[in-house]
Structure formats: structure tokens, C-alpha cells
Amino acid sequence: MRYTVAAKTDVGIRKKVNQDSVLVKHALIDQNEVLLAIVCDGMGGLKKGELASAEVVRFFNQWFLNELSNELEYADMNIISEKWRILLAELDRELKAYGQKMDQKTGTTFTGILFINEQYLIGHVGDSRVYHIDHSCLQLTEDHTFIQYQINKGEMTLEQAKTDPRRNMLMQTVGATKRMNPQFISGRAKKGHYLICSDGFRHKITPMEITQIFAKQTDKAGMALALEKTIDLIKQRNERDNISAILINVE
């Protein structure tokens, strides 16, 4: 497999601070191609959401630089997922302690994907998303939101969810909710694209549009331009949130 990646984050049309944080680490380590891509969306309704998202990105950047090489001989994604779980729990405790000390709750979503050669691991908390794009756009992660939980219980339909005023209510975050149980998904990388995005990226654009825009983009310059134009389109459609996305082509 060969990976090409482009990333873009934008403060958007309304907010003064970009509370999203994005991390891309791509390297060849001992003949292993490795790629780590993360989007964290700091809680827009909470104070210092940008600090929470930046802290999570900082931790995972240090993990990539200092710890990942120890995992490459066997590259067991189950073991790595448990280490990510421990790291996220540590971050959750740290952000909660900071919030108590400062008397202001702070938190962030976390959605990241790690590729090691042909394998991948997704870790996920919140409502940022990972999609796989080929002939269609398939959502891989499940939103940790009130409406998704209601849908899972059969108490709300997809159509009702689109207009429900609680559709942005998060049930899980890193640092700002009582409960945090990350979702982990592992598998073999498929050809096509993987898209990681904050909720601000996806609110004003459909899965069909995502497929049409990105499916044929394979070089870095074209992918970066497509992301930029798509974010401009989303802002034209009056999205008020910060907007972030990472696009990864797999060949």
C-alpha cells in the first residue's frame, strides 16, 4: 500500500477561535510505512476547547515519536488499541482535573486512524467521523451523540434526527463527560480514500457530494485543492462551526 495525505482546517465564518486541532504524521520506519492522522474538535460551547484538542494532539504526537517504533516488529493492532485506550483515559483524567482547578469544564472529540503498512486502526470518541470513499461514501465510526443513541434504541428515525434540536448533544468526549468508552476498529486498508472530519465539515455536505468531489483525487496537490474548495463551499452554505478534514488516498 502507498498513502498520500492532505489536510485542511479553517476557523469558519462565525467563530473567532479555531477549536479544532489536526495532526498528520507520515514516515518510513524500519521499512514500515506508517501514517497517523487525527482530528480533535474542542467543545465549542465550553471554555478553552482549543486547549483540550491541542493537548490530545500533543500526547499522540509524542506517542508517535517515542512509542510507535516499539510496536512495529509485530504491529498488533489489538495491543495498540489498548495502549490508546490507556492514553485517552489519562487525557480524560487530566482534562477533568484541569477543569476542576480552573472551575470551567473543557473537552474534545478524538478521531484518529493509524496505518501500518496494510493494516489500520481507528480510535474514536465523539462526533467527528471517519469515512471510506470508493464508489460510495461509507461511515466507519459511530457518533457518540444523544440522537445516535436514540436511533440505536429504535426511539428515533434518521429523518427525525436531522431536525431534532439535541442532534449536537455529545454523550462521550475526552474530558467533558462522565462516561468515555472509545470505539476501536481495525482492519486491512482498502483502496480508495479515508476521510477524517469534524462535524463542521459534514453538516452542509452530503455523502454523495463527498464521493463525487474526492473519489478521483489521487495526488497530493489535487487532494489539497479539493479540500480547500470543499471548505469554501461549506462556508458558502453558512456552516458556523470550525471546519477540519484529513483526506488519505490508498493505492
Protein backbone atom coordinates (compact mmCIF):
# COMPACT_ATOMS: atom_id res chain seq x y z
CA MET A 1 0.00 0.00 0.00
CA ARG A 2 1.05 3.58 -0.61
CA TYR A 3 -0.52 6.52 1.23
CA THR A 4 -0.94 10.12 0.12
CA VAL A 5 -2.39 12.62 2.56
CA ALA A 6 -3.70 16.20 2.59
CA ALA A 7 -5.20 18.15 5.48
CA LYS A 8 -7.04 21.42 5.99
CA THR A 9 -8.53 23.25 8.97
CA ASP A 10 -10.47 26.51 8.92
CA VAL A 11 -11.90 28.74 11.64
CA GLY A 12 -15.10 29.19 9.59
CA ILE A 13 -17.33 32.20 9.13
CA ARG A 14 -18.52 32.87 12.69
CA LYS A 15 -16.09 31.81 15.41
CA LYS A 16 -13.06 33.86 16.39
CA VAL A 17 -11.05 30.85 17.59
CA ASN A 18 -10.41 27.55 15.82
CA GLN A 19 -11.00 24.91 18.49
CA ASP A 20 -10.18 22.07 16.09
CA SER A 21 -6.72 20.50 16.15
CA VAL A 22 -5.31 18.34 13.36
CA LEU A 23 -2.31 16.01 13.37
CA VAL A 24 -0.65 14.23 10.44
CA LYS A 25 2.49 12.12 10.92
CA HIS A 26 3.76 10.15 7.91
CA ALA A 27 7.05 8.27 7.97
CA LEU A 28 9.05 5.25 6.87
CA ILE A 29 10.35 3.49 9.99
CA ASP A 30 12.45 0.32 9.61
CA GLN A 31 10.92 -0.28 6.17
CA ASN A 32 7.39 0.15 7.55
CA GLU A 33 5.23 2.89 6.08
CA VAL A 34 3.29 4.46 8.95
CA LEU A 35 0.70 7.22 8.92
CA LEU A 36 -1.14 8.74 11.87
CA ALA A 37 -3.97 11.19 11.18
CA ILE A 38 -6.12 12.76 13.91
CA VAL A 39 -8.92 15.33 14.09
CA CYS A 40 -9.93 16.70 17.51
CA ASP A 41 -12.85 19.10 17.85
CA GLY A 42 -12.70 21.11 21.07
CA MET A 43 -16.08 21.68 22.67
CA GLY A 44 -17.46 24.83 21.09
CA GLY A 45 -19.80 25.52 23.99
CA LEU A 46 -17.11 25.09 26.60
CA LYS A 47 -14.24 27.36 27.56
CA LYS A 48 -10.75 26.56 26.31
CA GLY A 49 -11.87 23.86 23.90
CA GLU A 50 -8.85 24.69 21.77
CA LEU A 51 -6.56 23.79 24.68
CA ALA A 52 -8.23 20.41 25.11
CA SER A 53 -7.95 19.47 21.44
CA ALA A 54 -4.34 20.68 21.26
CA GLU A 55 -3.40 18.68 24.37
CA VAL A 56 -4.78 15.45 22.90
CA VAL A 57 -2.90 16.06 19.66
CA ARG A 58 0.29 16.78 21.62
CA PHE A 59 0.02 13.50 23.53
CA PHE A 60 -0.47 11.46 20.38
CA ASN A 61 2.33 13.27 18.59
CA GLN A 62 4.65 12.27 21.43
CA TRP A 63 3.35 8.71 21.29
CA PHE A 64 4.13 8.56 17.57
CA LEU A 65 7.64 9.94 18.07
CA ASN A 66 8.58 7.97 21.17
CA GLU A 67 6.49 4.80 21.34
CA LEU A 68 5.32 3.69 17.91
CA SER A 69 8.65 2.22 16.81
CA ASN A 70 8.37 -0.30 19.67
CA GLU A 71 5.16 -1.68 18.13
CA LEU A 72 6.37 -2.22 14.58
CA GLU A 73 8.05 -5.63 14.87
CA TYR A 74 4.68 -7.36 15.36
CA ALA A 75 2.24 -4.48 14.71
CA ASP A 76 -0.60 -5.98 16.75
CA MET A 77 -3.48 -3.52 16.43
CA ASN A 78 -5.28 -5.05 19.41
CA ILE A 79 -2.31 -4.23 21.64
CA ILE A 80 -2.02 -0.72 20.18
CA SER A 81 -5.74 -0.09 20.71
CA GLU A 82 -5.38 -0.96 24.41
CA LYS A 83 -2.44 1.45 24.69
CA TRP A 84 -4.55 4.13 23.01
CA ARG A 85 -7.36 3.37 25.46
CA ILE A 86 -4.96 3.95 28.37
CA LEU A 87 -3.66 7.15 26.79
CA LEU A 88 -7.17 8.51 26.23
CA ALA A 89 -8.13 7.65 29.82
CA GLU A 90 -5.08 9.56 31.05
CA LEU A 91 -6.04 12.55 28.92
CA ASP A 92 -9.63 12.34 30.16
CA ARG A 93 -8.43 12.50 33.79
CA GLU A 94 -6.01 15.33 33.03
CA LEU A 95 -8.62 17.50 31.32
CA LYS A 96 -11.16 16.87 34.08
CA ALA A 97 -8.58 17.82 36.71
CA TYR A 98 -7.77 20.98 34.78
CA GLY A 99 -11.45 21.81 34.53
CA GLN A 100 -11.95 21.39 38.27
CA LYS A 101 -8.90 23.52 39.04
CA MET A 102 -10.00 26.31 36.70
CA ASP A 103 -13.70 25.87 37.51
CA GLN A 104 -14.52 25.51 33.82
CA LYS A 105 -15.33 22.28 32.02
CA THR A 106 -13.26 21.58 28.90
CA GLY A 107 -13.18 18.68 26.49
CA THR A 108 -12.74 17.48 22.95
CA THR A 109 -13.67 14.80 20.48
CA PHE A 110 -10.97 12.42 19.25
CA THR A 111 -10.99 10.60 15.93
CA GLY A 112 -7.76 9.13 14.63
CA ILE A 113 -6.54 6.50 12.22
CA LEU A 114 -3.18 4.73 12.23
CA PHE A 115 -1.90 2.88 9.18
CA ILE A 116 1.00 0.46 9.48
CA ASN A 117 1.74 -0.96 6.05
CA GLU A 118 -1.56 -2.65 5.05
CA GLN A 119 -3.22 -2.56 8.47
CA TYR A 120 -5.23 0.22 10.07
CA LEU A 121 -6.60 1.11 13.49
CA ILE A 122 -9.30 3.70 14.13
CA GLY A 123 -9.84 5.20 17.59
CA HIS A 124 -12.92 7.34 18.15
CA VAL A 125 -14.67 9.39 20.83
CA GLY A 126 -17.39 11.93 19.98
CA ASP A 127 -18.92 13.00 16.69
CA SER A 128 -16.04 13.64 14.34
CA ARG A 129 -16.09 10.87 11.73
CA VAL A 130 -14.08 8.53 9.53
CA TYR A 131 -15.44 7.66 6.09
CA HIS A 132 -14.15 5.30 3.43
CA ILE A 133 -14.73 6.64 -0.07
CA ASP A 134 -14.74 4.42 -3.14
CA HIS A 135 -17.80 4.16 -5.35
CA SER A 136 -19.78 5.40 -2.39
CA CYS A 137 -19.15 7.08 0.98
CA LEU A 138 -19.29 4.69 3.94
CA GLN A 139 -19.26 6.00 7.52
CA LEU A 140 -16.97 3.78 9.62
CA THR A 141 -17.32 5.40 13.05
CA GLU A 142 -20.48 5.75 15.10
CA ASP A 143 -21.41 9.14 16.56
CA HIS A 144 -21.42 9.30 20.35
CA THR A 145 -24.44 11.61 20.37
CA PHE A 146 -27.82 11.61 22.05
CA ILE A 147 -29.67 11.17 18.76
CA GLN A 148 -27.48 8.26 17.64
CA TYR A 149 -28.18 6.50 20.93
CA GLN A 150 -31.92 7.14 20.39
CA ILE A 151 -31.68 5.73 16.86
CA ASN A 152 -29.86 2.65 18.16
CA LYS A 153 -32.67 2.07 20.67
CA GLY A 154 -35.31 2.45 17.95
CA GLU A 155 -36.77 5.55 19.57
CA MET A 156 -35.90 7.97 16.77
CA THR A 157 -35.73 7.72 12.98
CA LEU A 158 -32.97 9.15 10.76
CA GLU A 159 -35.42 11.73 9.42
CA GLN A 160 -36.39 12.84 12.94
CA ALA A 161 -32.72 13.06 13.89
CA LYS A 162 -31.99 15.57 11.13
CA THR A 163 -34.13 18.25 12.76
CA ASP A 164 -34.01 17.27 16.43
CA PRO A 165 -32.64 20.21 18.49
CA ARG A 166 -30.49 17.77 20.51
CA ARG A 167 -28.61 16.49 17.46
CA ASN A 168 -25.33 18.09 18.61
CA MET A 169 -25.56 16.80 22.19
CA LEU A 170 -22.48 14.66 22.85
CA MET A 171 -22.70 11.67 25.17
CA GLN A 172 -18.97 10.96 25.11
CA THR A 173 -15.94 13.26 24.93
CA VAL A 174 -12.40 13.33 26.23
CA GLY A 175 -12.57 15.44 29.38
CA ALA A 176 -16.14 16.76 29.45
CA THR A 177 -18.46 13.80 30.07
CA LYS A 178 -18.80 11.29 32.90
CA ARG A 179 -18.53 8.35 30.53
CA MET A 180 -15.85 7.66 27.94
CA ASN A 181 -15.66 4.33 26.16
CA PRO A 182 -13.71 4.77 22.91
CA GLN A 183 -14.69 2.90 19.78
CA PHE A 184 -11.87 0.97 18.12
CA ILE A 185 -11.97 -0.51 14.64
CA SER A 186 -9.15 -2.41 12.97
CA GLY A 187 -8.75 -4.00 9.57
CA ARG A 188 -6.89 -4.17 6.30
CA ALA A 189 -6.64 -0.92 4.35
CA LYS A 190 -8.75 -0.78 1.21
CA LYS A 191 -8.02 1.15 -1.95
CA GLY A 192 -9.81 4.44 -2.22
CA HIS A 193 -9.85 7.29 0.27
CA TYR A 194 -10.22 7.62 4.02
CA LEU A 195 -11.69 10.93 5.17
CA ILE A 196 -11.47 12.11 8.79
CA CYS A 197 -13.52 15.22 9.51
CA SER A 198 -15.03 17.32 12.26
CA ASP A 199 -18.80 17.74 12.36
CA GLY A 200 -18.42 21.22 10.90
CA PHE A 201 -17.17 19.66 7.67
CA ARG A 202 -20.07 17.26 7.19
CA HIS A 203 -23.16 19.21 8.26
CA LYS A 204 -23.62 21.07 4.97
CA ILE A 205 -22.47 18.42 2.50
CA THR A 206 -23.96 15.06 1.57
CA PRO A 207 -22.22 11.67 1.32
CA MET A 208 -22.95 11.69 -2.42
CA GLU A 209 -21.20 15.04 -2.79
CA ILE A 210 -18.24 13.77 -0.78
CA THR A 211 -17.92 10.82 -3.17
CA GLN A 212 -18.20 12.99 -6.26
CA ILE A 213 -15.63 15.50 -5.02
CA PHE A 214 -12.94 13.20 -3.66
CA ALA A 215 -13.20 9.77 -5.29
CA LYS A 216 -10.95 10.59 -8.25
CA GLN A 217 -8.38 12.72 -6.40
CA THR A 218 -5.13 10.77 -6.09
CA ASP A 219 -2.24 13.26 -6.00
CA LYS A 220 -1.44 15.47 -3.00
CA ALA A 221 -1.93 18.78 -4.81
CA GLY A 222 -5.30 17.75 -6.21
CA MET A 223 -6.45 16.42 -2.84
CA ALA A 224 -5.40 19.62 -1.05
CA LEU A 225 -7.18 21.78 -3.63
CA ALA A 226 -10.33 19.66 -3.38
CA LEU A 227 -10.34 20.06 0.40
CA GLU A 228 -9.87 23.81 0.12
CA LYS A 229 -12.68 24.20 -2.43
CA THR A 230 -15.00 21.99 -0.40
CA ILE A 231 -14.42 24.02 2.75
CA ASP A 232 -15.14 27.19 0.77
CA LEU A 233 -18.40 25.58 -0.42
CA ILE A 234 -19.33 24.60 3.13
CA LYS A 235 -18.75 28.17 4.31
CA GLN A 236 -20.90 29.47 1.45
CA ARG A 237 -23.65 27.23 2.77
CA ASN A 238 -23.43 29.10 6.09
CA GLU A 239 -21.77 26.48 8.29
CA ARG A 240 -21.00 28.25 11.56
CA ASP A 241 -18.60 25.78 13.14
CA ASN A 242 -14.86 25.29 12.67
CA ILE A 243 -14.18 23.03 9.69
CA SER A 244 -11.42 20.40 9.55
CA ALA A 245 -10.65 17.39 7.37
CA ILE A 246 -7.84 14.99 6.51
CA LEU A 247 -8.01 13.09 3.20
CA ILE A 248 -5.92 9.95 2.70
CA ASN A 249 -5.57 8.17 -0.64
CA VAL A 250 -4.68 4.48 -0.53
CA GLU A 251 -3.13 2.80 -3.55
